[in-house]
Amino acid sequence: MASMKNLFKGIVAAGLLTTIIEISLRIFTNSSICHSQGCALVAKHVRYGEISILIIGCIFFFVLLVSSSIEEKNPKISNIIDLMLNAALAAEGFLVGYQLFRIHKICYFCFGIFITIVILSLLRLTQKKPQIWAGFASFLIVLGLTWMILPSQQIETIPLRNKALLYSNSCPHCEKIIKEIQQKNMKVKFLPIEKYAIILKSLGIDKIPVLIVKKKTKLEMIIGDKEIENYLKLNTKKEKNNYQTPFNYTLPSENACTIDKECK
C-alpha cells in the first residue's frame, strides 16, 4: 500500500514538473514540448490563451501533491483527492472530445496529461476508492455529449499544385487582386477562406488575401493585395516586395482584411 502511495505521489510530481517546464517554455522561449499541429490548434482555440489552461493544470498537480503528502495525517483529505480526480476526468471528457470530434487533431501534450490523470485514478482504485468510478463515468458521459453536440470542423487540406489564393467574397482587397490575376490569365487557384481559416489561424495569420506559392523545397506565403501584386509583378510600378517565407512574415496594415470581420 505504501509503495502505491509513493508511486501516486511520484506521478503527480512528474505531472507538475512537466507542466512547469511547458509554462516556462511558452513564456521565455515562445516554444513548446509538443510540436504537433494538434497542439498548435488547441492553443489557438483556448479563449484566454494556452497559458491559462497550463496554469490550471499546474495548480491541480500542486494541490494534488500537497494533499497526497498529508493524506495519512488527515484522512479527510482523501475525499478531496478523489473529488479532484473525478473533476479532472470529467474535464478531460470535453478536452479529449474536442480534439477528436471538433478539430480532428490530437494535442500530444494534452493527451499525455490525460493519460497521467487516468493512471492516477486507476491507482486510487487499487487503494479501494470505488468513488473514482464516478469520474470514469463522468468522462464517458461528457465525451459522448461532446460527440453529440459539437459540430465537426474537419481540417481541410489546401489543394496546392503551384499557386493558390485564399480569399473572401466580403473582402475588397481580395476582389481587387482576383480581377488583376484574371486579367493577366495567370494560373492561380482561388480558394474560399471559409474552408481554410483554421489553418491560417493556427499559423498566426488572420489577414487575407493570402497567396501560397509551392516551390520545390518550400512554401511561400504572401499577405495583402499590394504585396501579392509586387510578388506576381502585376504592378508596373517598382515597389519594394514586402513578402517573406512562412513563420517569418510581416502582416500588412492596410492592404488586407481581417478574417471573420467586416472589411471596407
Protein backbone atom coordinates (compact mmCIF):
# COMPACT_ATOMS: atom_id res chain seq x y z
CA MET A 1 0.00 0.00 0.00
CA ALA A 2 2.82 2.38 0.87
CA SER A 3 4.54 1.70 -2.44
CA MET A 4 1.30 2.55 -4.30
CA LYS A 5 1.04 5.84 -2.44
CA ASN A 6 4.65 6.70 -3.22
CA LEU A 7 4.08 5.83 -6.87
CA PHE A 8 1.00 8.06 -6.85
CA LYS A 9 2.98 10.99 -5.45
CA GLY A 10 5.82 10.38 -7.91
CA ILE A 11 3.48 10.52 -10.92
CA VAL A 12 1.82 13.68 -9.58
CA ALA A 13 5.25 15.28 -9.13
CA ALA A 14 6.18 14.32 -12.70
CA GLY A 15 2.95 15.89 -13.98
CA LEU A 16 3.66 19.07 -12.02
CA LEU A 17 7.24 19.27 -13.31
CA THR A 18 6.16 18.70 -16.92
CA THR A 19 3.54 21.43 -16.67
CA ILE A 20 6.02 23.89 -15.14
CA ILE A 21 8.52 23.16 -17.94
CA GLU A 22 5.81 23.75 -20.58
CA ILE A 23 4.80 27.06 -18.97
CA SER A 24 8.45 28.16 -18.84
CA LEU A 25 9.00 27.29 -22.49
CA ARG A 26 5.87 29.20 -23.51
CA ILE A 27 6.80 32.32 -21.53
CA PHE A 28 10.56 32.56 -22.04
CA THR A 29 11.18 30.95 -25.45
CA ASN A 30 7.73 31.00 -27.07
CA SER A 31 8.14 27.29 -27.81
CA SER A 32 6.58 24.06 -26.56
CA ILE A 33 7.32 20.47 -25.64
CA CYS A 34 4.76 19.48 -28.26
CA HIS A 35 5.34 20.48 -31.89
CA SER A 36 2.36 18.74 -33.50
CA GLN A 37 -0.33 20.58 -35.45
CA GLY A 38 -2.87 19.43 -32.85
CA CYS A 39 -1.02 21.26 -30.07
CA ALA A 40 -0.92 24.45 -32.14
CA LEU A 41 -4.64 24.24 -32.94
CA VAL A 42 -5.67 23.57 -29.34
CA ALA A 43 -3.56 26.54 -28.21
CA LYS A 44 -5.31 28.82 -30.74
CA HIS A 45 -8.75 27.69 -29.58
CA VAL A 46 -8.30 28.50 -25.88
CA ARG A 47 -10.21 31.70 -25.06
CA TYR A 48 -7.57 33.19 -22.74
CA GLY A 49 -4.54 31.55 -24.33
CA GLU A 50 -2.88 28.21 -23.68
CA ILE A 51 -1.11 29.61 -20.61
CA SER A 52 -4.45 29.78 -18.75
CA ILE A 53 -5.00 26.02 -19.17
CA LEU A 54 -1.40 25.28 -18.22
CA ILE A 55 -1.69 27.35 -15.04
CA ILE A 56 -4.88 25.48 -14.08
CA GLY A 57 -3.04 22.19 -14.67
CA CYS A 58 -0.09 23.36 -12.60
CA ILE A 59 -2.35 24.32 -9.69
CA PHE A 60 -4.17 20.98 -9.99
CA PHE A 61 -0.98 18.90 -9.74
CA PHE A 62 0.44 21.10 -6.95
CA VAL A 63 -2.68 20.80 -4.78
CA LEU A 64 -2.86 17.07 -5.53
CA LEU A 65 0.80 16.62 -4.50
CA VAL A 66 0.34 18.51 -1.25
CA SER A 67 -2.90 16.68 -0.47
CA SER A 68 -1.42 13.23 -1.12
CA SER A 69 1.56 14.10 1.11
CA ILE A 70 -0.61 14.90 4.14
CA GLU A 71 -3.33 12.30 3.48
CA GLU A 72 -2.02 9.90 6.15
CA LYS A 73 -2.12 12.59 8.84
CA ASN A 74 -5.55 13.84 7.82
CA PRO A 75 -7.75 11.08 6.30
CA LYS A 76 -10.42 13.62 5.35
CA ILE A 77 -8.05 14.88 2.65
CA SER A 78 -8.72 11.60 0.83
CA ASN A 79 -12.15 12.84 -0.22
CA ILE A 80 -10.61 16.00 -1.68
CA ILE A 81 -8.15 13.94 -3.76
CA ASP A 82 -10.95 11.75 -5.11
CA LEU A 83 -13.09 14.79 -5.88
CA MET A 84 -10.23 16.46 -7.77
CA LEU A 85 -9.56 13.35 -9.84
CA ASN A 86 -13.26 12.93 -10.67
CA ALA A 87 -13.48 16.56 -11.74
CA ALA A 88 -10.33 16.18 -13.84
CA LEU A 89 -11.71 13.10 -15.60
CA ALA A 90 -14.94 14.94 -16.39
CA ALA A 91 -12.96 17.91 -17.78
CA GLU A 92 -10.82 15.55 -19.86
CA GLY A 93 -14.02 14.17 -21.38
CA PHE A 94 -14.57 17.56 -23.02
CA LEU A 95 -10.92 18.22 -23.89
CA VAL A 96 -10.43 14.82 -25.50
CA GLY A 97 -13.80 15.07 -27.24
CA TYR A 98 -12.95 18.50 -28.63
CA GLN A 99 -9.79 17.15 -30.20
CA LEU A 100 -11.42 14.01 -31.58
CA PHE A 101 -14.75 15.39 -32.78
CA ARG A 102 -14.14 19.10 -33.41
CA ILE A 103 -10.65 19.74 -34.78
CA HIS A 104 -9.77 16.10 -35.58
CA LYS A 105 -6.20 16.59 -34.39
CA ILE A 106 -4.52 15.30 -31.24
CA CYS A 107 -2.51 17.52 -28.92
CA TYR A 108 0.10 15.06 -27.67
CA PHE A 109 0.97 17.12 -24.62
CA CYS A 110 -2.73 17.28 -23.65
CA PHE A 111 -3.10 13.56 -24.30
CA GLY A 112 -0.10 12.89 -22.07
CA ILE A 113 -1.76 14.81 -19.23
CA PHE A 114 -4.95 12.82 -19.83
CA ILE A 115 -3.07 9.52 -19.57
CA THR A 116 -1.42 10.76 -16.36
CA ILE A 117 -4.82 11.51 -14.80
CA VAL A 118 -6.15 8.09 -15.88
CA ILE A 119 -3.16 6.32 -14.27
CA LEU A 120 -3.59 8.32 -11.06
CA SER A 121 -7.28 7.41 -10.98
CA LEU A 122 -6.51 3.72 -11.52
CA LEU A 123 -4.02 3.84 -8.66
CA ARG A 124 -6.77 5.23 -6.41
CA LEU A 125 -8.97 2.30 -7.39
CA THR A 126 -6.24 -0.11 -6.25
CA GLN A 127 -6.37 1.70 -2.90
CA LYS A 128 -10.06 0.74 -2.58
CA LYS A 129 -11.52 4.08 -3.61
CA PRO A 130 -14.62 2.98 -5.59
CA GLN A 131 -15.90 6.57 -5.84
CA ILE A 132 -13.34 7.06 -8.63
CA TRP A 133 -15.66 5.06 -10.88
CA ALA A 134 -17.90 8.14 -10.86
CA GLY A 135 -15.05 10.04 -12.51
CA PHE A 136 -14.70 7.49 -15.30
CA ALA A 137 -18.49 7.53 -15.80
CA SER A 138 -18.37 11.36 -15.98
CA PHE A 139 -15.60 11.15 -18.56
CA LEU A 140 -17.66 8.87 -20.81
CA ILE A 141 -20.82 10.97 -20.40
CA VAL A 142 -19.06 14.25 -21.23
CA LEU A 143 -17.20 12.61 -24.12
CA GLY A 144 -20.50 11.31 -25.51
CA LEU A 145 -22.21 14.68 -25.13
CA THR A 146 -19.30 16.40 -26.85
CA TRP A 147 -19.65 14.00 -29.77
CA MET A 148 -23.39 14.66 -29.97
CA ILE A 149 -23.36 18.45 -29.56
CA LEU A 150 -20.17 19.90 -31.05
CA PRO A 151 -20.30 20.44 -34.81
CA SER A 152 -17.43 18.89 -36.70
CA GLN A 153 -14.77 21.22 -38.06
CA GLN A 154 -12.72 18.97 -40.28
CA ILE A 155 -9.35 20.41 -41.17
CA GLU A 156 -9.29 20.84 -44.93
CA THR A 157 -6.10 20.23 -46.86
CA ILE A 158 -5.20 23.09 -49.15
CA PRO A 159 -5.18 21.74 -52.73
CA LEU A 160 -1.95 23.22 -54.00
CA ARG A 161 -0.02 22.47 -57.18
CA ASN A 162 1.58 25.81 -57.94
CA LYS A 163 -0.21 28.92 -56.65
CA ALA A 164 -3.37 29.34 -54.60
CA LEU A 165 -5.12 32.49 -53.38
CA LEU A 166 -7.20 32.40 -50.21
CA TYR A 167 -9.96 34.99 -50.43
CA SER A 168 -13.34 36.08 -49.11
CA ASN A 169 -16.28 37.47 -51.09
CA SER A 170 -16.62 40.23 -48.48
CA CYS A 171 -13.00 41.35 -48.85
CA PRO A 172 -12.44 44.24 -51.30
CA HIS A 173 -8.69 43.66 -51.27
CA CYS A 174 -9.34 40.08 -52.38
CA GLU A 175 -11.71 41.22 -55.13
CA LYS A 176 -9.10 43.65 -56.43
CA ILE A 177 -6.27 41.14 -56.66
CA ILE A 178 -8.53 38.45 -58.18
CA LYS A 179 -9.52 40.79 -61.02
CA GLU A 180 -5.88 41.63 -61.70
CA ILE A 181 -4.88 37.96 -61.76
CA GLN A 182 -7.75 37.10 -64.09
CA GLN A 183 -6.86 39.95 -66.44
CA LYS A 184 -3.32 38.56 -66.72
CA ASN A 185 -4.68 34.99 -67.25
CA MET A 186 -2.36 33.67 -64.56
CA LYS A 187 -2.74 30.11 -63.30
CA VAL A 188 -3.81 30.69 -59.72
CA LYS A 189 -6.34 28.54 -57.85
CA PHE A 190 -8.91 30.60 -55.93
CA LEU A 191 -9.92 29.09 -52.58
CA PRO A 192 -12.66 30.49 -50.28
CA ILE A 193 -11.29 31.27 -46.83
CA GLU A 194 -14.24 29.65 -45.04
CA LYS A 195 -12.78 26.16 -45.53
CA TYR A 196 -9.21 27.03 -44.63
CA ALA A 197 -9.44 29.77 -41.99
CA ILE A 198 -8.49 27.38 -39.20
CA ILE A 199 -5.22 26.51 -40.97
CA LEU A 200 -4.22 30.16 -41.32
CA LYS A 201 -5.21 30.96 -37.74
CA SER A 202 -3.11 28.05 -36.47
CA LEU A 203 -0.14 29.76 -38.15
CA GLY A 204 -0.98 33.10 -36.57
CA ILE A 205 -2.35 34.59 -39.80
CA ASP A 206 -5.66 36.46 -39.59
CA LYS A 207 -5.38 38.56 -42.76
CA ILE A 208 -6.50 37.96 -46.34
CA PRO A 209 -5.88 37.77 -49.25
CA VAL A 210 -3.09 35.22 -48.86
CA LEU A 211 -1.17 33.85 -51.82
CA ILE A 212 0.50 30.48 -51.24
CA VAL A 213 3.22 29.51 -53.69
CA LYS A 214 4.55 25.96 -53.81
CA LYS A 215 8.21 25.59 -54.70
CA LYS A 216 10.48 22.56 -54.77
CA THR A 217 11.66 22.69 -51.18
CA LYS A 218 9.40 25.26 -49.51
CA LEU A 219 6.16 27.20 -49.49
CA GLU A 220 5.96 30.98 -49.68
CA MET A 221 3.05 32.93 -48.22
CA ILE A 222 2.34 36.48 -49.34
CA ILE A 223 -0.27 38.51 -47.48
CA GLY A 224 -2.06 41.64 -48.74
CA ASP A 225 -3.07 42.85 -52.21
CA LYS A 226 -0.09 45.19 -52.71
CA GLU A 227 2.37 42.54 -51.59
CA ILE A 228 0.79 39.97 -53.91
CA GLU A 229 0.86 42.46 -56.80
CA ASN A 230 4.56 43.01 -56.28
CA TYR A 231 5.29 39.30 -55.94
CA LEU A 232 3.41 38.41 -59.13
CA LYS A 233 4.73 41.55 -60.85
CA LEU A 234 1.19 42.71 -61.61
CA ASN A 235 2.07 46.26 -60.69
CA THR A 236 4.13 48.13 -63.27
CA LYS A 237 5.43 50.48 -60.61
CA LYS A 238 8.65 49.43 -58.96
CA GLU A 239 7.84 48.87 -55.33
CA LYS A 240 9.79 47.01 -52.72
CA ASN A 241 8.47 43.49 -52.13
CA ASN A 242 7.35 43.06 -48.55
CA TYR A 243 6.76 39.33 -48.53
CA GLN A 244 8.63 36.74 -46.54
CA THR A 245 8.54 32.98 -46.22
CA PRO A 246 6.30 31.09 -43.71
CA PHE A 247 6.75 31.70 -39.99
CA ASN A 248 8.81 34.78 -40.77
CA TYR A 249 6.31 37.02 -42.49
CA THR A 250 5.01 40.53 -41.78
CA LEU A 251 1.32 41.38 -41.79
CA PRO A 252 0.27 44.42 -43.85
CA SER A 253 -1.77 47.03 -42.02
CA GLU A 254 -3.77 48.49 -44.91
CA ASN A 255 -3.66 46.05 -47.81
CA ALA A 256 -5.65 43.19 -46.28
CA CYS A 257 -8.87 42.29 -44.48
CA THR A 258 -9.14 40.55 -41.11
CA ILE A 259 -10.73 37.09 -41.21
CA ASP A 260 -14.29 36.95 -39.78
CA LYS A 261 -14.50 40.76 -39.57
CA GLU A 262 -16.24 43.30 -41.78
CA CYS A 263 -13.85 44.92 -44.23
CA LYS A 264 -14.27 48.13 -46.22
